[in-house]
Amino acid sequence: MRFAWDEAKDASNRSKHGVSFEEASSLFTSGEDYLEIFDDANSLDEDRFIAIGPVIRGVIVVVYTERDGDTIRIISARWATKREASRYRSYKEGG
């Protein structure tokens, strides 16, 4: 699995949300389950997905698209809200 992102967007995202895209990529490589949601509202030009799950510092939300079958292109990442973290925990517990 490979990762790609726009470096300027990564810098902007770190400044705005305190999460680097490199840290966000660890969501997909940690072996932990994560909740994946198809982002129908923002999938006009390409299929976009929202992933909610754990990284070392907490639960994050990552918006991404898949490219060439094996590349995850990260679009944005931020810390999950309490509601999103609760939704992830409920998913993790099977409900």
PDB file of N, CA and C in Angstrom:
ATOM      1  N   MET A   1       0.844  -1.176   0.000  1.00  0.00           N
ATOM      2  CA  MET A   1       0.000   0.000   0.000  1.00  0.00           C
ATOM      3  C   MET A   1       0.893   1.243   0.000  1.00  0.00           C
ATOM      4  N   ARG A   2       0.532   2.160  -0.887  1.00  0.00           N
ATOM      5  CA  ARG A   2       1.290   3.407  -0.980  1.00  0.00           C
ATOM      6  C   ARG A   2       0.384   4.567  -0.601  1.00  0.00           C
ATOM      7  N   PHE A   3       1.019   5.696  -0.281  1.00  0.00           N
ATOM      8  CA  PHE A   3       0.277   6.899   0.099  1.00  0.00           C
ATOM      9  C   PHE A   3       0.764   8.078  -0.723  1.00  0.00           C
ATOM     10  N   ALA A   4      -0.154   8.994  -0.985  1.00  0.00           N
ATOM     11  CA  ALA A   4       0.179  10.218  -1.713  1.00  0.00           C
ATOM     12  C   ALA A   4      -0.634  11.351  -1.112  1.00  0.00           C
ATOM     13  N   TRP A   5      -0.084  12.554  -1.230  1.00  0.00           N
ATOM     14  CA  TRP A   5      -0.795  13.751  -0.808  1.00  0.00           C
ATOM     15  C   TRP A   5      -0.092  14.967  -1.343  1.00  0.00           C
ATOM     16  N   ASP A   6      -0.782  16.053  -1.333  1.00  0.00           N
ATOM     17  CA  ASP A   6      -0.232  17.340  -1.745  1.00  0.00           C
ATOM     18  C   ASP A   6       0.528  17.923  -0.556  1.00  0.00           C
ATOM     19  N   GLU A   7       1.810  18.239  -0.752  1.00  0.00           N
ATOM     20  CA  GLU A   7       2.650  18.732   0.349  1.00  0.00           C
ATOM     21  C   GLU A   7       2.145  20.056   0.922  1.00  0.00           C
ATOM     22  N   ALA A   8       1.676  20.965   0.067  1.00  0.00           N
ATOM     23  CA  ALA A   8       1.146  22.246   0.559  1.00  0.00           C
ATOM     24  C   ALA A   8      -0.109  22.017   1.393  1.00  0.00           C
ATOM     25  N   LYS A   9      -0.958  21.099   0.959  1.00  0.00           N
ATOM     26  CA  LYS A   9      -2.174  20.777   1.710  1.00  0.00           C
ATOM     27  C   LYS A   9      -1.820  20.125   3.040  1.00  0.00           C
ATOM     28  N   ASP A  10      -0.782  19.292   3.059  1.00  0.00           N
ATOM     29  CA  ASP A  10      -0.315  18.670   4.298  1.00  0.00           C
ATOM     30  C   ASP A  10       0.122  19.739   5.295  1.00  0.00           C
ATOM     31  N   ALA A  11       0.906  20.704   4.841  1.00  0.00           N
ATOM     32  CA  ALA A  11       1.363  21.786   5.725  1.00  0.00           C
ATOM     33  C   ALA A  11       0.180  22.589   6.253  1.00  0.00           C
ATOM     34  N   SER A  12      -0.760  22.891   5.388  1.00  0.00           N
ATOM     35  CA  SER A  12      -1.962  23.620   5.787  1.00  0.00           C
ATOM     36  C   SER A  12      -2.778  22.812   6.791  1.00  0.00           C
ATOM     37  N   ASN A  13      -2.899  21.527   6.547  1.00  0.00           N
ATOM     38  CA  ASN A  13      -3.670  20.652   7.429  1.00  0.00           C
ATOM     39  C   ASN A  13      -3.022  20.562   8.811  1.00  0.00           C
ATOM     40  N   ARG A  14      -1.678  20.441   8.849  1.00  0.00           N
ATOM     41  CA  ARG A  14      -0.961  20.398  10.137  1.00  0.00           C
ATOM     42  C   ARG A  14      -1.212  21.662  10.924  1.00  0.00           C
ATOM     43  N   SER A  15      -1.162  22.798  10.246  1.00  0.00           N
ATOM     44  CA  SER A  15      -1.371  24.085  10.908  1.00  0.00           C
ATOM     45  C   SER A  15      -2.803  24.227  11.416  1.00  0.00           C
ATOM     46  N   LYS A  16      -3.746  23.830  10.611  1.00  0.00           N
ATOM     47  CA  LYS A  16      -5.164  24.010  10.948  1.00  0.00           C
ATOM     48  C   LYS A  16      -5.687  22.975  11.943  1.00  0.00           C
ATOM     49  N   HIS A  17      -5.280  21.702  11.772  1.00  0.00           N
ATOM     50  CA  HIS A  17      -5.865  20.617  12.561  1.00  0.00           C
ATOM     51  C   HIS A  17      -4.892  19.896  13.493  1.00  0.00           C
ATOM     52  N   GLY A  18      -3.593  20.170  13.362  1.00  0.00           N
ATOM     53  CA  GLY A  18      -2.621  19.515  14.229  1.00  0.00           C
ATOM     54  C   GLY A  18      -2.374  18.051  13.898  1.00  0.00           C
ATOM     55  N   VAL A  19      -2.679  17.657  12.663  1.00  0.00           N
ATOM     56  CA  VAL A  19      -2.473  16.273  12.224  1.00  0.00           C
ATOM     57  C   VAL A  19      -1.759  16.298  10.877  1.00  0.00           C
ATOM     58  N   SER A  20      -0.624  15.618  10.794  1.00  0.00           N
ATOM     59  CA  SER A  20       0.066  15.520   9.504  1.00  0.00           C
ATOM     60  C   SER A  20      -0.535  14.370   8.705  1.00  0.00           C
ATOM     61  N   PHE A  21      -0.358  14.425   7.406  1.00  0.00           N
ATOM     62  CA  PHE A  21      -0.849  13.339   6.570  1.00  0.00           C
ATOM     63  C   PHE A  21      -0.035  12.064   6.805  1.00  0.00           C
ATOM     64  N   GLU A  22       1.214  12.215   7.196  1.00  0.00           N
ATOM     65  CA  GLU A  22       2.004  11.029   7.531  1.00  0.00           C
ATOM     66  C   GLU A  22       1.398  10.323   8.740  1.00  0.00           C
ATOM     67  N   GLU A  23       1.038  11.098   9.774  1.00  0.00           N
ATOM     68  CA  GLU A  23       0.379  10.497  10.935  1.00  0.00           C
ATOM     69  C   GLU A  23      -0.951   9.871  10.515  1.00  0.00           C
ATOM     70  N   ALA A  24      -1.698  10.571   9.666  1.00  0.00           N
ATOM     71  CA  ALA A  24      -2.986  10.053   9.195  1.00  0.00           C
ATOM     72  C   ALA A  24      -2.809   8.729   8.452  1.00  0.00           C
ATOM     73  N   SER A  25      -1.718   8.588   7.706  1.00  0.00           N
ATOM     74  CA  SER A  25      -1.499   7.350   6.950  1.00  0.00           C
ATOM     75  C   SER A  25      -1.334   6.149   7.873  1.00  0.00           C
ATOM     76  N   SER A  26      -0.902   6.383   9.112  1.00  0.00           N
ATOM     77  CA  SER A  26      -0.725   5.270  10.051  1.00  0.00           C
ATOM     78  C   SER A  26      -2.054   4.605  10.403  1.00  0.00           C
ATOM     79  N   LEU A  27      -3.158   5.298  10.190  1.00  0.00           N
ATOM     80  CA  LEU A  27      -4.472   4.692  10.406  1.00  0.00           C
ATOM     81  C   LEU A  27      -4.632   3.439   9.545  1.00  0.00           C
ATOM     82  N   PHE A  28      -4.100   3.477   8.342  1.00  0.00           N
ATOM     83  CA  PHE A  28      -4.281   2.385   7.386  1.00  0.00           C
ATOM     84  C   PHE A  28      -3.252   1.263   7.540  1.00  0.00           C
ATOM     85  N   THR A  29      -2.175   1.515   8.269  1.00  0.00           N
ATOM     86  CA  THR A  29      -1.101   0.524   8.383  1.00  0.00           C
ATOM     87  C   THR A  29      -0.969  -0.072   9.777  1.00  0.00           C
ATOM     88  N   SER A  30      -1.756   0.412  10.722  1.00  0.00           N
ATOM     89  CA  SER A  30      -1.605  -0.014  12.116  1.00  0.00           C
ATOM     90  C   SER A  30      -2.140  -1.414  12.386  1.00  0.00           C
ATOM     91  N   GLY A  31      -3.007  -1.905  11.512  1.00  0.00           N
ATOM     92  CA  GLY A  31      -3.631  -3.197  11.767  1.00  0.00           C
ATOM     93  C   GLY A  31      -4.911  -3.087  12.580  1.00  0.00           C
ATOM     94  N   GLU A  32      -5.200  -1.896  13.076  1.00  0.00           N
ATOM     95  CA  GLU A  32      -6.444  -1.661  13.816  1.00  0.00           C
ATOM     96  C   GLU A  32      -7.600  -1.505  12.833  1.00  0.00           C
ATOM     97  N   ASP A  33      -8.779  -1.936  13.253  1.00  0.00           N
ATOM     98  CA  ASP A  33      -9.970  -1.704  12.440  1.00  0.00           C
ATOM     99  C   ASP A  33     -10.299  -0.221  12.425  1.00  0.00           C
ATOM    100  N   TYR A  34     -10.865   0.230  11.323  1.00  0.00           N
ATOM    101  CA  TYR A  34     -11.368   1.598  11.244  1.00  0.00           C
ATOM    102  C   TYR A  34     -12.698   1.578  10.514  1.00  0.00           C
ATOM    103  N   LEU A  35     -13.516   2.554  10.805  1.00  0.00           N
ATOM    104  CA  LEU A  35     -14.821   2.689  10.174  1.00  0.00           C
ATOM    105  C   LEU A  35     -14.641   3.421   8.856  1.00  0.00           C
ATOM    106  N   GLU A  36     -15.141   2.840   7.782  1.00  0.00           N
ATOM    107  CA  GLU A  36     -15.032   3.463   6.461  1.00  0.00           C
ATOM    108  C   GLU A  36     -16.430   3.802   5.954  1.00  0.00           C
ATOM    109  N   ILE A  37     -16.600   5.044   5.508  1.00  0.00           N
ATOM    110  CA  ILE A  37     -17.886   5.536   5.025  1.00  0.00           C
ATOM    111  C   ILE A  37     -17.675   6.120   3.634  1.00  0.00           C
ATOM    112  N   PHE A  38     -18.532   5.741   2.689  1.00  0.00           N
ATOM    113  CA  PHE A  38     -18.474   6.343   1.357  1.00  0.00           C
ATOM    114  C   PHE A  38     -18.999   7.769   1.456  1.00  0.00           C
ATOM    115  N   ASP A  39     -18.237   8.729   0.947  1.00  0.00           N
ATOM    116  CA  ASP A  39     -18.598  10.150   1.013  1.00  0.00           C
ATOM    117  C   ASP A  39     -19.375  10.532  -0.244  1.00  0.00           C
ATOM    118  N   ASP A  40     -20.633  10.150  -0.270  1.00  0.00           N
ATOM    119  CA  ASP A  40     -21.479  10.358  -1.440  1.00  0.00           C
ATOM    120  C   ASP A  40     -21.578  11.830  -1.831  1.00  0.00           C
ATOM    121  N   ALA A  41     -21.670  12.705  -0.848  1.00  0.00           N
ATOM    122  CA  ALA A  41     -21.851  14.139  -1.114  1.00  0.00           C
ATOM    123  C   ALA A  41     -20.658  14.767  -1.825  1.00  0.00           C
ATOM    124  N   ASN A  42     -19.459  14.209  -1.632  1.00  0.00           N
ATOM    125  CA  ASN A  42     -18.250  14.795  -2.218  1.00  0.00           C
ATOM    126  C   ASN A  42     -17.574  13.880  -3.235  1.00  0.00           C
ATOM    127  N   SER A  43     -18.333  12.975  -3.818  1.00  0.00           N
ATOM    128  CA  SER A  43     -17.766  12.015  -4.763  1.00  0.00           C
ATOM    129  C   SER A  43     -18.203  12.279  -6.198  1.00  0.00           C
ATOM    130  N   LEU A  44     -18.291  13.531  -6.563  1.00  0.00           N
ATOM    131  CA  LEU A  44     -18.737  13.868  -7.913  1.00  0.00           C
ATOM    132  C   LEU A  44     -17.683  13.548  -8.970  1.00  0.00           C
ATOM    133  N   ASP A  45     -16.430  13.929  -8.727  1.00  0.00           N
ATOM    134  CA  ASP A  45     -15.353  13.706  -9.696  1.00  0.00           C
ATOM    135  C   ASP A  45     -14.592  12.406  -9.456  1.00  0.00           C
ATOM    136  N   GLU A  46     -14.583  11.930  -8.225  1.00  0.00           N
ATOM    137  CA  GLU A  46     -13.892  10.703  -7.859  1.00  0.00           C
ATOM    138  C   GLU A  46     -14.547  10.155  -6.597  1.00  0.00           C
ATOM    139  N   ASP A  47     -14.436   8.856  -6.372  1.00  0.00           N
ATOM    140  CA  ASP A  47     -14.983   8.262  -5.159  1.00  0.00           C
ATOM    141  C   ASP A  47     -14.137   8.682  -3.966  1.00  0.00           C
ATOM    142  N   ARG A  48     -14.794   9.272  -2.985  1.00  0.00           N
ATOM    143  CA  ARG A  48     -14.111   9.672  -1.757  1.00  0.00           C
ATOM    144  C   ARG A  48     -14.662   8.882  -0.583  1.00  0.00           C
ATOM    145  N   PHE A  49     -13.784   8.646   0.363  1.00  0.00           N
ATOM    146  CA  PHE A  49     -14.143   7.883   1.546  1.00  0.00           C
ATOM    147  C   PHE A  49     -13.737   8.648   2.797  1.00  0.00           C
ATOM    148  N   ILE A  50     -14.448   8.365   3.872  1.00  0.00           N
ATOM    149  CA  ILE A  50     -14.130   8.918   5.181  1.00  0.00           C
ATOM    150  C   ILE A  50     -13.776   7.736   6.072  1.00  0.00           C
ATOM    151  N   ALA A  51     -12.617   7.797   6.700  1.00  0.00           N
ATOM    152  CA  ALA A  51     -12.202   6.754   7.636  1.00  0.00           C
ATOM    153  C   ALA A  51     -12.118   7.368   9.027  1.00  0.00           C
ATOM    154  N   ILE A  52     -12.666   6.670  10.007  1.00  0.00           N
ATOM    155  CA  ILE A  52     -12.591   7.099  11.402  1.00  0.00           C
ATOM    156  C   ILE A  52     -11.941   5.966  12.172  1.00  0.00           C
ATOM    157  N   GLY A  53     -10.843   6.281  12.867  1.00  0.00           N
ATOM    158  CA  GLY A  53     -10.164   5.233  13.607  1.00  0.00           C
ATOM    159  C   GLY A  53      -8.988   5.763  14.403  1.00  0.00           C
ATOM    160  N   PRO A  54      -8.279   4.841  15.063  1.00  0.00           N
ATOM    161  CA  PRO A  54      -7.231   5.236  15.995  1.00  0.00           C
ATOM    162  C   PRO A  54      -5.849   5.396  15.363  1.00  0.00           C
ATOM    163  N   VAL A  55      -5.134   6.387  15.864  1.00  0.00           N
ATOM    164  CA  VAL A  55      -3.694   6.515  15.664  1.00  0.00           C
ATOM    165  C   VAL A  55      -3.109   6.634  17.069  1.00  0.00           C
ATOM    166  N   ILE A  56      -1.829   6.763  17.193  1.00  0.00           N
ATOM    167  CA  ILE A  56      -1.208   6.762  18.520  1.00  0.00           C
ATOM    168  C   ILE A  56      -1.773   7.849  19.433  1.00  0.00           C
ATOM    169  N   ARG A  57      -2.024   9.043  18.894  1.00  0.00           N
ATOM    170  CA  ARG A  57      -2.449  10.166  19.747  1.00  0.00           C
ATOM    171  C   ARG A  57      -3.953  10.290  19.939  1.00  0.00           C
ATOM    172  N   GLY A  58      -4.746   9.439  19.299  1.00  0.00           N
ATOM    173  CA  GLY A  58      -6.192   9.533  19.467  1.00  0.00           C
ATOM    174  C   GLY A  58      -6.943   9.034  18.244  1.00  0.00           C
ATOM    175  N   VAL A  59      -8.217   9.388  18.182  1.00  0.00           N
ATOM    176  CA  VAL A  59      -9.071   8.968  17.065  1.00  0.00           C
ATOM    177  C   VAL A  59      -9.124  10.098  16.044  1.00  0.00           C
ATOM    178  N   ILE A  60      -8.906   9.761  14.771  1.00  0.00           N
ATOM    179  CA  ILE A  60      -8.908  10.772  13.716  1.00  0.00           C
ATOM    180  C   ILE A  60      -9.929  10.446  12.633  1.00  0.00           C
ATOM    181  N   VAL A  61     -10.207  11.469  11.845  1.00  0.00           N
ATOM    182  CA  VAL A  61     -11.063  11.358  10.667  1.00  0.00           C
ATOM    183  C   VAL A  61     -10.190  11.688   9.460  1.00  0.00           C
ATOM    184  N   VAL A  62     -10.147  10.785   8.502  1.00  0.00           N
ATOM    185  CA  VAL A  62      -9.332  10.973   7.305  1.00  0.00           C
ATOM    186  C   VAL A  62     -10.235  10.892   6.076  1.00  0.00           C
ATOM    187  N   VAL A  63     -10.164  11.899   5.225  1.00  0.00           N
ATOM    188  CA  VAL A  63     -10.857  11.869   3.937  1.00  0.00           C
ATOM    189  C   VAL A  63      -9.813  11.490   2.895  1.00  0.00           C
ATOM    190  N   TYR A  64     -10.160  10.511   2.058  1.00  0.00           N
ATOM    191  CA  TYR A  64      -9.183  10.033   1.078  1.00  0.00           C
ATOM    192  C   TYR A  64      -9.876   9.477  -0.155  1.00  0.00           C
ATOM    193  N   THR A  65      -9.087   9.247  -1.166  1.00  0.00           N
ATOM    194  CA  THR A  65      -9.533   8.565  -2.374  1.00  0.00           C
ATOM    195  C   THR A  65      -8.497   7.500  -2.711  1.00  0.00           C
ATOM    196  N   GLU A  66      -8.891   6.527  -3.488  1.00  0.00           N
ATOM    197  CA  GLU A  66      -7.965   5.480  -3.906  1.00  0.00           C
ATOM    198  C   GLU A  66      -7.554   5.726  -5.348  1.00  0.00           C
ATOM    199  N   ARG A  67      -6.269   5.547  -5.612  1.00  0.00           N
ATOM    200  CA  ARG A  67      -5.729   5.751  -6.956  1.00  0.00           C
ATOM    201  C   ARG A  67      -4.957   4.513  -7.384  1.00  0.00           C
ATOM    202  N   ASP A  68      -5.102   4.143  -8.627  1.00  0.00           N
ATOM    203  CA  ASP A  68      -4.323   3.053  -9.238  1.00  0.00           C
ATOM    204  C   ASP A  68      -4.390   1.743  -8.460  1.00  0.00           C
ATOM    205  N   GLY A  69      -5.427   1.534  -7.686  1.00  0.00           N
ATOM    206  CA  GLY A  69      -5.627   0.271  -6.995  1.00  0.00           C
ATOM    207  C   GLY A  69      -4.816   0.042  -5.745  1.00  0.00           C
ATOM    208  N   ASP A  70      -3.677   0.720  -5.595  1.00  0.00           N
ATOM    209  CA  ASP A  70      -2.847   0.469  -4.416  1.00  0.00           C
ATOM    210  C   ASP A  70      -2.345   1.737  -3.733  1.00  0.00           C
ATOM    211  N   THR A  71      -2.876   2.890  -4.133  1.00  0.00           N
ATOM    212  CA  THR A  71      -2.433   4.155  -3.549  1.00  0.00           C
ATOM    213  C   THR A  71      -3.606   4.857  -2.877  1.00  0.00           C
ATOM    214  N   ILE A  72      -3.401   5.232  -1.631  1.00  0.00           N
ATOM    215  CA  ILE A  72      -4.378   6.037  -0.904  1.00  0.00           C
ATOM    216  C   ILE A  72      -3.902   7.475  -0.965  1.00  0.00           C
ATOM    217  N   ARG A  73      -4.721   8.339  -1.561  1.00  0.00           N
ATOM    218  CA  ARG A  73      -4.404   9.769  -1.629  1.00  0.00           C
ATOM    219  C   ARG A  73      -5.190  10.460  -0.531  1.00  0.00           C
ATOM    220  N   ILE A  74      -4.466  10.983   0.455  1.00  0.00           N
ATOM    221  CA  ILE A  74      -5.097  11.645   1.595  1.00  0.00           C
ATOM    222  C   ILE A  74      -5.453  13.070   1.207  1.00  0.00           C
ATOM    223  N   ILE A  75      -6.691  13.434   1.475  1.00  0.00           N
ATOM    224  CA  ILE A  75      -7.208  14.755   1.133  1.00  0.00           C
ATOM    225  C   ILE A  75      -7.244  15.655   2.357  1.00  0.00           C
ATOM    226  N   SER A  76      -7.654  15.109   3.499  1.00  0.00           N
ATOM    227  CA  SER A  76      -7.659  15.884   4.743  1.00  0.00           C
ATOM    228  C   SER A  76      -7.663  14.937   5.932  1.00  0.00           C
ATOM    229  N   ALA A  77      -7.269  15.463   7.082  1.00  0.00           N
ATOM    230  CA  ALA A  77      -7.267  14.690   8.322  1.00  0.00           C
ATOM    231  C   ALA A  77      -7.450  15.654   9.487  1.00  0.00           C
ATOM    232  N   ARG A  78      -8.203  15.205  10.472  1.00  0.00           N
ATOM    233  CA  ARG A  78      -8.439  16.018  11.668  1.00  0.00           C
ATOM    234  C   ARG A  78      -8.791  15.093  12.814  1.00  0.00           C
ATOM    235  N   TRP A  79      -8.772  15.657  14.017  1.00  0.00           N
ATOM    236  CA  TRP A  79      -9.174  14.883  15.184  1.00  0.00           C
ATOM    237  C   TRP A  79     -10.679  14.679  15.155  1.00  0.00           C
ATOM    238  N   ALA A  80     -11.116  13.512  15.551  1.00  0.00           N
ATOM    239  CA  ALA A  80     -12.541  13.195  15.582  1.00  0.00           C
ATOM    240  C   ALA A  80     -13.234  14.010  16.669  1.00  0.00           C
ATOM    241  N   THR A  81     -14.467  14.394  16.396  1.00  0.00           N
ATOM    242  CA  THR A  81     -15.302  15.013  17.427  1.00  0.00           C
ATOM    243  C   THR A  81     -15.710  13.922  18.417  1.00  0.00           C
ATOM    244  N   LYS A  82     -16.273  14.313  19.550  1.00  0.00           N
ATOM    245  CA  LYS A  82     -16.740  13.315  20.520  1.00  0.00           C
ATOM    246  C   LYS A  82     -17.766  12.380  19.881  1.00  0.00           C
ATOM    247  N   ARG A  83     -18.640  12.944  19.078  1.00  0.00           N
ATOM    248  CA  ARG A  83     -19.671  12.137  18.416  1.00  0.00           C
ATOM    249  C   ARG A  83     -19.046  11.135  17.442  1.00  0.00           C
ATOM    250  N   GLU A  84     -18.065  11.584  16.663  1.00  0.00           N
ATOM    251  CA  GLU A  84     -17.396  10.690  15.713  1.00  0.00           C
ATOM    252  C   GLU A  84     -16.611   9.597  16.437  1.00  0.00           C
ATOM    253  N   ALA A  85     -15.928   9.967  17.519  1.00  0.00           N
ATOM    254  CA  ALA A  85     -15.175   8.979  18.297  1.00  0.00           C
ATOM    255  C   ALA A  85     -16.122   7.950  18.908  1.00  0.00           C
ATOM    256  N   SER A  86     -17.277   8.410  19.370  1.00  0.00           N
ATOM    257  CA  SER A  86     -18.287   7.509  19.922  1.00  0.00           C
ATOM    258  C   SER A  86     -18.815   6.568  18.840  1.00  0.00           C
ATOM    259  N   ARG A  87     -19.027   7.094  17.653  1.00  0.00           N
ATOM    260  CA  ARG A  87     -19.485   6.268  16.531  1.00  0.00           C
ATOM    261  C   ARG A  87     -18.450   5.197  16.202  1.00  0.00           C
ATOM    262  N   TYR A  88     -17.170   5.569  16.236  1.00  0.00           N
ATOM    263  CA  TYR A  88     -16.110   4.595  15.985  1.00  0.00           C
ATOM    264  C   TYR A  88     -16.116   3.515  17.067  1.00  0.00           C
ATOM    265  N   ARG A  89     -16.208   3.926  18.335  1.00  0.00           N
ATOM    266  CA  ARG A  89     -16.202   2.949  19.430  1.00  0.00           C
ATOM    267  C   ARG A  89     -17.390   1.988  19.314  1.00  0.00           C
ATOM    268  N   SER A  90     -18.543   2.520  18.947  1.00  0.00           N
ATOM    269  CA  SER A  90     -19.727   1.679  18.757  1.00  0.00           C
ATOM    270  C   SER A  90     -19.492   0.670  17.630  1.00  0.00           C
ATOM    271  N   TYR A  91     -18.892   1.132  16.547  1.00  0.00           N
ATOM    272  CA  TYR A  91     -18.543   0.249  15.429  1.00  0.00           C
ATOM    273  C   TYR A  91     -17.575  -0.838  15.893  1.00  0.00           C
ATOM    274  N   LYS A  92     -16.565  -0.437  16.642  1.00  0.00           N
ATOM    275  CA  LYS A  92     -15.531  -1.361  17.111  1.00  0.00           C
ATOM    276  C   LYS A  92     -16.133  -2.439  18.018  1.00  0.00           C
ATOM    277  N   GLU A  93     -17.147  -2.050  18.789  1.00  0.00           N
ATOM    278  CA  GLU A  93     -17.798  -2.988  19.708  1.00  0.00           C
ATOM    279  C   GLU A  93     -18.853  -3.842  19.015  1.00  0.00           C
ATOM    280  N   GLY A  94     -19.031  -3.613  17.709  1.00  0.00           N
ATOM    281  CA  GLY A  94     -19.951  -4.437  16.947  1.00  0.00           C
ATOM    282  C   GLY A  94     -21.376  -3.935  16.888  1.00  0.00           C
ATOM    283  N   GLY A  95     -21.588  -2.689  17.290  1.00  0.00           N
ATOM    284  CA  GLY A  95     -22.972  -2.203  17.281  1.00  0.00           C
ATOM    285  C   GLY A  95     -23.060  -0.918  16.636  1.00  0.00           C
TER     286      GLY A  95
END
